């Protein structure tokens, strides 16, 4: 899924990670792989899954989300939507 995202992209969170609620828009800052050390404000963590360090405009601290917990807000979705429209009968 990493190929769907790049640094600076916006994504929607699919899970609550207080204080950021599911459905919030975040900016992707840095990719991490499974086993990477994620530096936290209190202690460090070892990533169990690949994901992204994300920033929310109203929250001062960054959060780490697994890739499966993020939905891209941009990307090449148009061709698939266009195929669906072409398959619809004309009125």
PDB file of N, CA and C in Angstrom:
ATOM      1  N   UNK A   1       0.815  -1.190   0.000  1.00  0.00           N
ATOM      2  CA  UNK A   1       0.000   0.000   0.000  1.00  0.00           C
ATOM      3  C   UNK A   1       0.862   1.258   0.000  1.00  0.00           C
ATOM      4  N   UNK A   2       2.127   1.138   0.307  1.00  0.00           N
ATOM      5  CA  UNK A   2       2.991   2.315   0.372  1.00  0.00           C
ATOM      6  C   UNK A   2       2.972   3.087  -0.940  1.00  0.00           C
ATOM      7  N   UNK A   3       2.803   2.390  -2.064  1.00  0.00           N
ATOM      8  CA  UNK A   3       2.822   3.090  -3.340  1.00  0.00           C
ATOM      9  C   UNK A   3       1.613   4.012  -3.509  1.00  0.00           C
ATOM     10  N   UNK A   4       0.596   3.891  -2.665  1.00  0.00           N
ATOM     11  CA  UNK A   4      -0.544   4.804  -2.729  1.00  0.00           C
ATOM     12  C   UNK A   4      -0.228   6.127  -2.051  1.00  0.00           C
ATOM     13  N   UNK A   5       0.764   6.143  -1.174  1.00  0.00           N
ATOM     14  CA  UNK A   5       1.064   7.318  -0.375  1.00  0.00           C
ATOM     15  C   UNK A   5       2.450   7.853  -0.677  1.00  0.00           C
ATOM     16  N   UNK A   6       2.618   9.140  -0.399  1.00  0.00           N
ATOM     17  CA  UNK A   6       3.943   9.741  -0.416  1.00  0.00           C
ATOM     18  C   UNK A   6       3.949  10.866   0.619  1.00  0.00           C
ATOM     19  N   UNK A   7       5.128  11.283   1.022  1.00  0.00           N
ATOM     20  CA  UNK A   7       5.260  12.345   2.012  1.00  0.00           C
ATOM     21  C   UNK A   7       4.499  13.585   1.537  1.00  0.00           C
ATOM     22  N   UNK A   8       3.737  14.176   2.441  1.00  0.00           N
ATOM     23  CA  UNK A   8       2.964  15.369   2.122  1.00  0.00           C
ATOM     24  C   UNK A   8       1.532  15.101   1.706  1.00  0.00           C
ATOM     25  N   UNK A   9       1.217  13.840   1.398  1.00  0.00           N
ATOM     26  CA  UNK A   9      -0.162  13.499   1.033  1.00  0.00           C
ATOM     27  C   UNK A   9      -1.081  13.672   2.228  1.00  0.00           C
ATOM     28  N   UNK A  10      -2.356  13.875   1.938  1.00  0.00           N
ATOM     29  CA  UNK A  10      -3.387  13.898   2.965  1.00  0.00           C
ATOM     30  C   UNK A  10      -4.101  12.561   2.972  1.00  0.00           C
ATOM     31  N   UNK A  11      -4.512  12.132   4.159  1.00  0.00           N
ATOM     32  CA  UNK A  11      -5.225  10.867   4.294  1.00  0.00           C
ATOM     33  C   UNK A  11      -6.297  11.017   5.360  1.00  0.00           C
ATOM     34  N   UNK A  12      -7.278  10.130   5.321  1.00  0.00           N
ATOM     35  CA  UNK A  12      -8.321  10.073   6.334  1.00  0.00           C
ATOM     36  C   UNK A  12      -7.980   8.931   7.279  1.00  0.00           C
ATOM     37  N   UNK A  13      -8.090   9.198   8.581  1.00  0.00           N
ATOM     38  CA  UNK A  13      -7.845   8.146   9.565  1.00  0.00           C
ATOM     39  C   UNK A  13      -9.072   7.243   9.647  1.00  0.00           C
ATOM     40  N   UNK A  14      -8.833   5.944   9.694  1.00  0.00           N
ATOM     41  CA  UNK A  14      -9.922   4.980   9.754  1.00  0.00           C
ATOM     42  C   UNK A  14     -10.171   4.481  11.175  1.00  0.00           C
ATOM     43  N   UNK A  15      -9.293   4.831  12.099  1.00  0.00           N
ATOM     44  CA  UNK A  15      -9.448   4.431  13.502  1.00  0.00           C
ATOM     45  C   UNK A  15      -9.239   5.643  14.403  1.00  0.00           C
ATOM     46  N   UNK A  16      -9.780   5.554  15.615  1.00  0.00           N
ATOM     47  CA  UNK A  16      -9.523   6.574  16.630  1.00  0.00           C
ATOM     48  C   UNK A  16      -8.135   6.353  17.207  1.00  0.00           C
ATOM     49  N   UNK A  17      -7.379   7.398  17.314  1.00  0.00           N
ATOM     50  CA  UNK A  17      -6.093   7.381  18.003  1.00  0.00           C
ATOM     51  C   UNK A  17      -6.061   8.689  18.787  1.00  0.00           C
ATOM     52  N   UNK A  18      -6.790   8.691  19.952  1.00  0.00           N
ATOM     53  CA  UNK A  18      -7.005   9.945  20.681  1.00  0.00           C
ATOM     54  C   UNK A  18      -5.729  10.755  20.828  1.00  0.00           C
ATOM     55  N   UNK A  19      -5.853  12.048  20.630  1.00  0.00           N
ATOM     56  CA  UNK A  19      -7.076  12.839  20.484  1.00  0.00           C
ATOM     57  C   UNK A  19      -7.591  12.926  19.050  1.00  0.00           C
ATOM     58  N   UNK A  20      -6.949  12.282  18.098  1.00  0.00           N
ATOM     59  CA  UNK A  20      -7.417  12.312  16.705  1.00  0.00           C
ATOM     60  C   UNK A  20      -8.483  11.231  16.519  1.00  0.00           C
ATOM     61  N   UNK A  21      -9.645  11.642  16.045  1.00  0.00           N
ATOM     62  CA  UNK A  21     -10.765  10.722  15.873  1.00  0.00           C
ATOM     63  C   UNK A  21     -10.774  10.120  14.467  1.00  0.00           C
ATOM     64  N   UNK A  22     -11.400   8.966  14.327  1.00  0.00           N
ATOM     65  CA  UNK A  22     -11.563   8.346  13.015  1.00  0.00           C
ATOM     66  C   UNK A  22     -12.296   9.330  12.108  1.00  0.00           C
ATOM     67  N   UNK A  23     -11.877   9.404  10.863  1.00  0.00           N
ATOM     68  CA  UNK A  23     -12.477  10.326   9.902  1.00  0.00           C
ATOM     69  C   UNK A  23     -11.774  11.662   9.833  1.00  0.00           C
ATOM     70  N   UNK A  24     -10.703  11.824  10.611  1.00  0.00           N
ATOM     71  CA  UNK A  24      -9.945  13.070  10.590  1.00  0.00           C
ATOM     72  C   UNK A  24      -8.970  13.081   9.420  1.00  0.00           C
ATOM     73  N   UNK A  25      -8.653  14.269   8.947  1.00  0.00           N
ATOM     74  CA  UNK A  25      -7.676  14.422   7.872  1.00  0.00           C
ATOM     75  C   UNK A  25      -6.308  14.681   8.496  1.00  0.00           C
ATOM     76  N   UNK A  26      -5.314  13.904   8.066  1.00  0.00           N
ATOM     77  CA  UNK A  26      -3.944  14.063   8.544  1.00  0.00           C
ATOM     78  C   UNK A  26      -3.002  14.211   7.360  1.00  0.00           C
ATOM     79  N   UNK A  27      -1.833  14.777   7.629  1.00  0.00           N
ATOM     80  CA  UNK A  27      -0.785  14.884   6.616  1.00  0.00           C
ATOM     81  C   UNK A  27       0.282  13.843   6.907  1.00  0.00           C
ATOM     82  N   UNK A  28       0.726  13.135   5.871  1.00  0.00           N
ATOM     83  CA  UNK A  28       1.750  12.107   6.033  1.00  0.00           C
ATOM     84  C   UNK A  28       3.126  12.750   6.049  1.00  0.00           C
ATOM     85  N   UNK A  29       3.873  12.481   7.122  1.00  0.00           N
ATOM     86  CA  UNK A  29       5.176  13.124   7.299  1.00  0.00           C
ATOM     87  C   UNK A  29       6.343  12.194   6.998  1.00  0.00           C
ATOM     88  N   UNK A  30       6.258  10.948   7.462  1.00  0.00           N
ATOM     89  CA  UNK A  30       7.401  10.040   7.344  1.00  0.00           C
ATOM     90  C   UNK A  30       6.921   8.588   7.352  1.00  0.00           C
ATOM     91  N   UNK A  31       7.443   7.788   6.431  1.00  0.00           N
ATOM     92  CA  UNK A  31       7.107   6.367   6.352  1.00  0.00           C
ATOM     93  C   UNK A  31       7.982   5.578   7.317  1.00  0.00           C
ATOM     94  N   UNK A  32       7.422   4.553   7.931  1.00  0.00           N
ATOM     95  CA  UNK A  32       8.225   3.634   8.739  1.00  0.00           C
ATOM     96  C   UNK A  32       7.872   2.198   8.374  1.00  0.00           C
ATOM     97  N   UNK A  33       8.855   1.329   8.485  1.00  0.00           N
ATOM     98  CA  UNK A  33       8.699  -0.093   8.183  1.00  0.00           C
ATOM     99  C   UNK A  33       8.529  -0.878   9.473  1.00  0.00           C
ATOM    100  N   UNK A  34       8.088  -2.104   9.333  1.00  0.00           N
ATOM    101  CA  UNK A  34       7.990  -3.004  10.484  1.00  0.00           C
ATOM    102  C   UNK A  34       9.380  -3.150  11.104  1.00  0.00           C
ATOM    103  N   UNK A  35       9.458  -3.007  12.418  1.00  0.00           N
ATOM    104  CA  UNK A  35      10.732  -3.130  13.117  1.00  0.00           C
ATOM    105  C   UNK A  35      11.462  -1.818  13.327  1.00  0.00           C
ATOM    106  N   UNK A  36      11.046  -0.761  12.655  1.00  0.00           N
ATOM    107  CA  UNK A  36      11.676   0.554  12.857  1.00  0.00           C
ATOM    108  C   UNK A  36      11.341   1.084  14.255  1.00  0.00           C
ATOM    109  N   UNK A  37      12.221   1.907  14.789  1.00  0.00           N
ATOM    110  CA  UNK A  37      11.971   2.550  16.071  1.00  0.00           C
ATOM    111  C   UNK A  37      11.222   3.851  15.823  1.00  0.00           C
ATOM    112  N   UNK A  38      10.091   4.008  16.516  1.00  0.00           N
ATOM    113  CA  UNK A  38       9.281   5.215  16.413  1.00  0.00           C
ATOM    114  C   UNK A  38       9.499   6.004  17.691  1.00  0.00           C
ATOM    115  N   UNK A  39      10.024   7.204  17.551  1.00  0.00           N
ATOM    116  CA  UNK A  39      10.321   8.058  18.698  1.00  0.00           C
ATOM    117  C   UNK A  39       9.033   8.715  19.199  1.00  0.00           C
ATOM    118  N   UNK A  40       8.704   8.492  20.458  1.00  0.00           N
ATOM    119  CA  UNK A  40       7.517   9.083  21.057  1.00  0.00           C
ATOM    120  C   UNK A  40       7.886  10.153  22.055  1.00  0.00           C
ATOM    121  N   UNK A  41       6.907  10.940  22.512  1.00  0.00           N
ATOM    122  CA  UNK A  41       7.192  12.009  23.466  1.00  0.00           C
ATOM    123  C   UNK A  41       7.607  11.477  24.843  1.00  0.00           C
ATOM    124  N   UNK A  42       7.129  10.298  25.206  1.00  0.00           N
ATOM    125  CA  UNK A  42       7.438   9.716  26.510  1.00  0.00           C
ATOM    126  C   UNK A  42       8.438   8.567  26.389  1.00  0.00           C
ATOM    127  N   UNK A  43       8.206   7.692  25.403  1.00  0.00           N
ATOM    128  CA  UNK A  43       9.115   6.562  25.181  1.00  0.00           C
ATOM    129  C   UNK A  43       9.089   6.165  23.715  1.00  0.00           C
ATOM    130  N   UNK A  44      10.058   5.360  23.344  1.00  0.00           N
ATOM    131  CA  UNK A  44      10.142   4.889  21.963  1.00  0.00           C
ATOM    132  C   UNK A  44       9.381   3.572  21.815  1.00  0.00           C
ATOM    133  N   UNK A  45       8.946   3.290  20.585  1.00  0.00           N
ATOM    134  CA  UNK A  45       8.223   2.063  20.280  1.00  0.00           C
ATOM    135  C   UNK A  45       8.863   1.398  19.070  1.00  0.00           C
ATOM    136  N   UNK A  46       8.702   0.097  18.970  1.00  0.00           N
ATOM    137  CA  UNK A  46       9.127  -0.632  17.782  1.00  0.00           C
ATOM    138  C   UNK A  46       7.875  -0.899  16.954  1.00  0.00           C
ATOM    139  N   UNK A  47       7.905  -0.498  15.692  1.00  0.00           N
ATOM    140  CA  UNK A  47       6.734  -0.654  14.814  1.00  0.00           C
ATOM    141  C   UNK A  47       6.453  -2.123  14.558  1.00  0.00           C
ATOM    142  N   UNK A  48       5.223  -2.529  14.809  1.00  0.00           N
ATOM    143  CA  UNK A  48       4.807  -3.912  14.518  1.00  0.00           C
ATOM    144  C   UNK A  48       4.304  -4.050  13.086  1.00  0.00           C
ATOM    145  N   UNK A  49       3.930  -2.927  12.500  1.00  0.00           N
ATOM    146  CA  UNK A  49       3.410  -2.897  11.132  1.00  0.00           C
ATOM    147  C   UNK A  49       4.012  -1.704  10.404  1.00  0.00           C
ATOM    148  N   UNK A  50       4.060  -1.732   9.070  1.00  0.00           N
ATOM    149  CA  UNK A  50       4.481  -0.539   8.337  1.00  0.00           C
ATOM    150  C   UNK A  50       3.410   0.542   8.443  1.00  0.00           C
ATOM    151  N   UNK A  51       3.826   1.794   8.380  1.00  0.00           N
ATOM    152  CA  UNK A  51       2.856   2.872   8.472  1.00  0.00           C
ATOM    153  C   UNK A  51       3.480   4.232   8.281  1.00  0.00           C
ATOM    154  N   UNK A  52       2.809   5.233   8.809  1.00  0.00           N
ATOM    155  CA  UNK A  52       3.215   6.622   8.600  1.00  0.00           C
ATOM    156  C   UNK A  52       3.122   7.426   9.887  1.00  0.00           C
ATOM    157  N   UNK A  53       4.079   8.324  10.068  1.00  0.00           N
ATOM    158  CA  UNK A  53       3.975   9.357  11.086  1.00  0.00           C
ATOM    159  C   UNK A  53       3.112  10.448  10.469  1.00  0.00           C
ATOM    160  N   UNK A  54       2.060  10.857  11.186  1.00  0.00           N
ATOM    161  CA  UNK A  54       1.084  11.792  10.639  1.00  0.00           C
ATOM    162  C   UNK A  54       0.933  13.006  11.541  1.00  0.00           C
ATOM    163  N   UNK A  55       0.567  14.125  10.934  1.00  0.00           N
ATOM    164  CA  UNK A  55       0.296  15.355  11.670  1.00  0.00           C
ATOM    165  C   UNK A  55      -1.152  15.758  11.433  1.00  0.00           C
ATOM    166  N   UNK A  56      -1.790  16.227  12.503  1.00  0.00           N
ATOM    167  CA  UNK A  56      -3.146  16.758  12.427  1.00  0.00           C
ATOM    168  C   UNK A  56      -3.047  18.234  12.759  1.00  0.00           C
ATOM    169  N   UNK A  57      -3.743  19.074  12.018  1.00  0.00           N
ATOM    170  CA  UNK A  57      -3.567  20.518  12.178  1.00  0.00           C
ATOM    171  C   UNK A  57      -3.998  21.040  13.544  1.00  0.00           C
ATOM    172  N   UNK A  58      -4.858  20.337  14.272  1.00  0.00           N
ATOM    173  CA  UNK A  58      -5.326  20.827  15.564  1.00  0.00           C
ATOM    174  C   UNK A  58      -4.666  20.131  16.757  1.00  0.00           C
ATOM    175  N   UNK A  59      -3.784  19.158  16.488  1.00  0.00           N
ATOM    176  CA  UNK A  59      -3.140  18.399  17.555  1.00  0.00           C
ATOM    177  C   UNK A  59      -1.640  18.686  17.514  1.00  0.00           C
ATOM    178  N   UNK A  60      -1.043  19.103  18.634  1.00  0.00           N
ATOM    179  CA  UNK A  60       0.374  19.497  18.613  1.00  0.00           C
ATOM    180  C   UNK A  60       1.367  18.345  18.416  1.00  0.00           C
ATOM    181  N   UNK A  61       1.004  17.121  18.815  1.00  0.00           N
ATOM    182  CA  UNK A  61       1.919  15.985  18.671  1.00  0.00           C
ATOM    183  C   UNK A  61       1.582  15.173  17.430  1.00  0.00           C
ATOM    184  N   UNK A  62       2.590  14.549  16.838  1.00  0.00           N
ATOM    185  CA  UNK A  62       2.368  13.664  15.696  1.00  0.00           C
ATOM    186  C   UNK A  62       1.931  12.295  16.191  1.00  0.00           C
ATOM    187  N   UNK A  63       1.287  11.528  15.312  1.00  0.00           N
ATOM    188  CA  UNK A  63       0.815  10.190  15.649  1.00  0.00           C
ATOM    189  C   UNK A  63       1.305   9.205  14.602  1.00  0.00           C
ATOM    190  N   UNK A  64       1.474   7.953  15.008  1.00  0.00           N
ATOM    191  CA  UNK A  64       1.897   6.884  14.095  1.00  0.00           C
ATOM    192  C   UNK A  64       0.683   6.012  13.770  1.00  0.00           C
ATOM    193  N   UNK A  65       0.370   5.907  12.491  1.00  0.00           N
ATOM    194  CA  UNK A  65      -0.742   5.082  12.023  1.00  0.00           C
ATOM    195  C   UNK A  65      -0.210   3.972  11.128  1.00  0.00           C
ATOM    196  N   UNK A  66      -0.748   2.774  11.286  1.00  0.00           N
ATOM    197  CA  UNK A  66      -0.452   1.700  10.359  1.00  0.00           C
ATOM    198  C   UNK A  66      -1.084   2.020   9.015  1.00  0.00           C
ATOM    199  N   UNK A  67      -0.481   1.511   7.948  1.00  0.00           N
ATOM    200  CA  UNK A  67      -1.015   1.800   6.602  1.00  0.00           C
ATOM    201  C   UNK A  67      -2.477   1.403   6.464  1.00  0.00           C
ATOM    202  N   UNK A  68      -2.861   0.292   7.096  1.00  0.00           N
ATOM    203  CA  UNK A  68      -4.240  -0.186   6.983  1.00  0.00           C
ATOM    204  C   UNK A  68      -5.232   0.736   7.684  1.00  0.00           C
ATOM    205  N   UNK A  69      -4.729   1.689   8.478  1.00  0.00           N
ATOM    206  CA  UNK A  69      -5.582   2.612   9.215  1.00  0.00           C
ATOM    207  C   UNK A  69      -5.728   3.963   8.527  1.00  0.00           C
ATOM    208  N   UNK A  70      -5.230   4.065   7.298  1.00  0.00           N
ATOM    209  CA  UNK A  70      -5.283   5.326   6.549  1.00  0.00           C
ATOM    210  C   UNK A  70      -5.897   5.104   5.171  1.00  0.00           C
ATOM    211  N   UNK A  71      -6.692   6.074   4.728  1.00  0.00           N
ATOM    212  CA  UNK A  71      -7.264   6.035   3.387  1.00  0.00           C
ATOM    213  C   UNK A  71      -6.790   7.284   2.643  1.00  0.00           C
ATOM    214  N   UNK A  72      -6.182   7.119   1.478  1.00  0.00           N
ATOM    215  CA  UNK A  72      -5.663   8.285   0.760  1.00  0.00           C
ATOM    216  C   UNK A  72      -6.782   9.227   0.314  1.00  0.00           C
ATOM    217  N   UNK A  73      -6.470  10.508   0.304  1.00  0.00           N
ATOM    218  CA  UNK A  73      -7.412  11.510  -0.186  1.00  0.00           C
ATOM    219  C   UNK A  73      -7.111  11.918  -1.620  1.00  0.00           C
ATOM    220  N   UNK A  74      -6.005  11.454  -2.155  1.00  0.00           N
ATOM    221  CA  UNK A  74      -5.699  11.735  -3.551  1.00  0.00           C
ATOM    222  C   UNK A  74      -5.135  10.461  -4.156  1.00  0.00           C
ATOM    223  N   UNK A  75      -5.128  10.423  -5.445  1.00  0.00           N
ATOM    224  CA  UNK A  75      -4.594   9.241  -6.099  1.00  0.00           C
ATOM    225  C   UNK A  75      -5.264   9.039  -7.433  1.00  0.00           C
ATOM    226  N   UNK A  76      -4.939   7.949  -8.063  1.00  0.00           N
ATOM    227  CA  UNK A  76      -5.459   7.669  -9.394  1.00  0.00           C
ATOM    228  C   UNK A  76      -6.716   6.813  -9.295  1.00  0.00           C
ATOM    229  N   UNK A  77      -7.791   7.413  -8.766  1.00  0.00           N
ATOM    230  CA  UNK A  77      -9.042   6.697  -8.631  1.00  0.00           C
ATOM    231  C   UNK A  77      -9.983   6.998  -9.792  1.00  0.00           C
ATOM    232  N   UNK A  78      -9.694   8.028 -10.562  1.00  0.00           N
ATOM    233  CA  UNK A  78     -10.560   8.461 -11.649  1.00  0.00           C
ATOM    234  C   UNK A  78     -10.807   7.380 -12.699  1.00  0.00           C
ATOM    235  N   UNK A  79      -9.795   6.652 -13.177  1.00  0.00           N
ATOM    236  CA  UNK A  79     -10.077   5.646 -14.200  1.00  0.00           C
ATOM    237  C   UNK A  79     -11.115   4.624 -13.764  1.00  0.00           C
ATOM    238  N   UNK A  80     -11.070   4.196 -12.506  1.00  0.00           N
ATOM    239  CA  UNK A  80     -12.039   3.218 -12.037  1.00  0.00           C
ATOM    240  C   UNK A  80     -13.434   3.827 -11.968  1.00  0.00           C
ATOM    241  N   UNK A  81     -13.531   5.080 -11.517  1.00  0.00           N
ATOM    242  CA  UNK A  81     -14.824   5.750 -11.469  1.00  0.00           C
ATOM    243  C   UNK A  81     -15.363   5.967 -12.880  1.00  0.00           C
ATOM    244  N   UNK A  82     -14.468   6.271 -13.814  1.00  0.00           N
ATOM    245  CA  UNK A  82     -14.891   6.480 -15.190  1.00  0.00           C
ATOM    246  C   UNK A  82     -15.424   5.173 -15.771  1.00  0.00           C
ATOM    247  N   UNK A  83     -14.773   4.045 -15.482  1.00  0.00           N
ATOM    248  CA  UNK A  83     -15.264   2.763 -15.963  1.00  0.00           C
ATOM    249  C   UNK A  83     -16.655   2.480 -15.432  1.00  0.00           C
ATOM    250  N   UNK A  84     -16.901   2.826 -14.156  1.00  0.00           N
ATOM    251  CA  UNK A  84     -18.224   2.605 -13.574  1.00  0.00           C
ATOM    252  C   UNK A  84     -19.265   3.450 -14.290  1.00  0.00           C
ATOM    253  N   UNK A  85     -18.926   4.699 -14.619  1.00  0.00           N
ATOM    254  CA  UNK A  85     -19.875   5.570 -15.321  1.00  0.00           C
ATOM    255  C   UNK A  85     -20.151   5.066 -16.728  1.00  0.00           C
ATOM    256  N   UNK A  86     -19.125   4.538 -17.392  1.00  0.00           N
ATOM    257  CA  UNK A  86     -19.317   4.019 -18.744  1.00  0.00           C
ATOM    258  C   UNK A  86     -20.211   2.795 -18.744  1.00  0.00           C
ATOM    259  N   UNK A  87     -20.177   2.046 -17.643  1.00  0.00           N
ATOM    260  CA  UNK A  87     -20.995   0.846 -17.559  1.00  0.00           C
ATOM    261  C   UNK A  87     -22.449   1.140 -17.241  1.00  0.00           C
ATOM    262  N   UNK A  88     -22.725   2.342 -16.724  1.00  0.00           N
ATOM    263  CA  UNK A  88     -24.096   2.717 -16.385  1.00  0.00           C
ATOM    264  C   UNK A  88     -24.862   3.018 -17.672  1.00  0.00           C
ATOM    265  N   UNK A  89     -26.135   2.601 -17.732  1.00  0.00           N
ATOM    266  CA  UNK A  89     -26.933   2.899 -18.919  1.00  0.00           C
ATOM    267  C   UNK A  89     -27.243   4.392 -19.005  1.00  0.00           C
ATOM    268  N   UNK A  90     -27.287   4.902 -20.203  1.00  0.00           N
ATOM    269  CA  UNK A  90     -27.604   6.309 -20.411  1.00  0.00           C
ATOM    270  C   UNK A  90     -29.094   6.533 -20.232  1.00  0.00           C
ATOM    271  N   UNK A  91     -29.448   7.671 -19.673  1.00  0.00           N
ATOM    272  CA  UNK A  91     -30.870   7.964 -19.453  1.00  0.00           C
ATOM    273  C   UNK A  91     -31.467   8.640 -20.655  1.00  0.00           C
TER     274      UNK A  91
END
